[in-house]
Protein backbone atom coordinates (compact mmCIF):
# COMPACT_ATOMS: atom_id res chain seq x y z
CA LEU A 1 8.57 85.43 -33.37
CA LYS A 2 8.47 82.48 -35.75
CA ALA A 3 12.16 82.84 -36.59
CA SER A 4 13.29 81.74 -33.14
CA HIS A 5 10.17 80.37 -31.39
CA LYS A 6 7.53 77.68 -31.95
CA ILE A 7 4.15 79.21 -32.85
CA GLN A 8 0.92 77.20 -32.54
CA TYR A 9 -2.83 77.78 -32.81
CA PRO A 10 -4.36 77.01 -29.39
CA GLU A 11 -7.93 76.10 -28.47
CA LYS A 12 -8.24 79.47 -26.70
CA GLY A 13 -6.52 82.64 -27.82
CA ASP A 14 -5.10 83.54 -31.22
CA PHE A 15 -1.61 82.07 -30.98
CA LEU A 16 0.63 80.22 -28.56
CA VAL A 17 4.39 80.80 -28.26
CA ASN A 18 6.65 77.91 -27.18
CA GLY A 19 3.63 76.06 -25.81
CA THR A 20 3.35 78.37 -22.79
CA HIS A 21 2.53 81.99 -23.67
CA ALA A 22 -0.94 82.56 -25.15
CA PHE A 23 -1.85 85.77 -26.96
CA GLU A 24 -5.26 87.14 -27.87
CA VAL A 25 -5.26 89.98 -30.41
CA GLY A 26 -7.90 92.69 -30.33
CA GLY A 27 -8.81 96.34 -30.01
CA LYS A 28 -8.33 98.63 -27.05
CA ASN A 29 -11.59 97.46 -25.44
CA LYS A 30 -10.71 93.75 -25.64
CA GLY A 31 -11.20 92.11 -22.26
CA LEU A 32 -9.56 89.16 -20.52
CA LYS A 33 -12.72 87.02 -20.67
CA GLN A 34 -11.46 84.65 -23.39
CA ILE A 35 -8.14 83.95 -21.69
CA SER A 36 -9.01 84.46 -18.00
CA ASP A 37 -8.45 80.81 -17.03
CA MET A 38 -5.12 80.48 -18.84
CA PRO A 39 -1.80 81.06 -17.08
CA GLU A 40 0.74 83.12 -19.03
CA ALA A 41 -1.94 84.67 -21.26
CA TYR A 42 -1.78 88.19 -22.68
CA ILE A 43 -3.83 90.53 -24.84
CA ALA A 44 -2.06 92.30 -27.68
CA ALA A 45 -4.29 95.35 -28.08
CA ASP A 46 -4.44 97.87 -30.89
CA GLY A 47 -5.13 101.52 -30.11
CA ILE A 48 -3.30 101.76 -26.78
CA GLU A 49 0.01 103.52 -26.07
CA TYR A 50 1.20 101.59 -23.04
CA GLY A 51 0.38 98.32 -21.36
CA PHE A 52 -1.02 97.42 -17.98
CA GLY A 53 -1.19 94.00 -16.38
CA ASN A 54 -1.63 91.36 -19.07
CA LYS A 55 -2.60 93.85 -21.77
CA ILE A 56 0.22 95.07 -24.02
CA PRO A 57 0.20 97.37 -27.07
CA ILE A 58 0.36 95.45 -30.32
CA TRP A 59 2.87 97.95 -31.75
CA LEU A 60 5.50 96.54 -29.34
CA PHE A 61 5.58 93.36 -31.43
CA GLY A 62 7.26 95.45 -34.13
CA PHE A 63 10.39 95.64 -31.98
CA LEU A 64 10.72 91.84 -32.11
CA TYR A 65 11.39 91.87 -35.87
């Protein structure tokens, strides 16, 4: 992502892309509690095969390389 986007460390979440999309990284049981009040926020979860809602598999980030 860093090659073509601006990456920042936000107050909430683990990283922020282009100042709008927040990502929280965690395991398959990670909930939306930490990012519930943020628009355009997603969970990148380990241990899941497919995404649902704002929760996406972390392995999909490998396709961005």
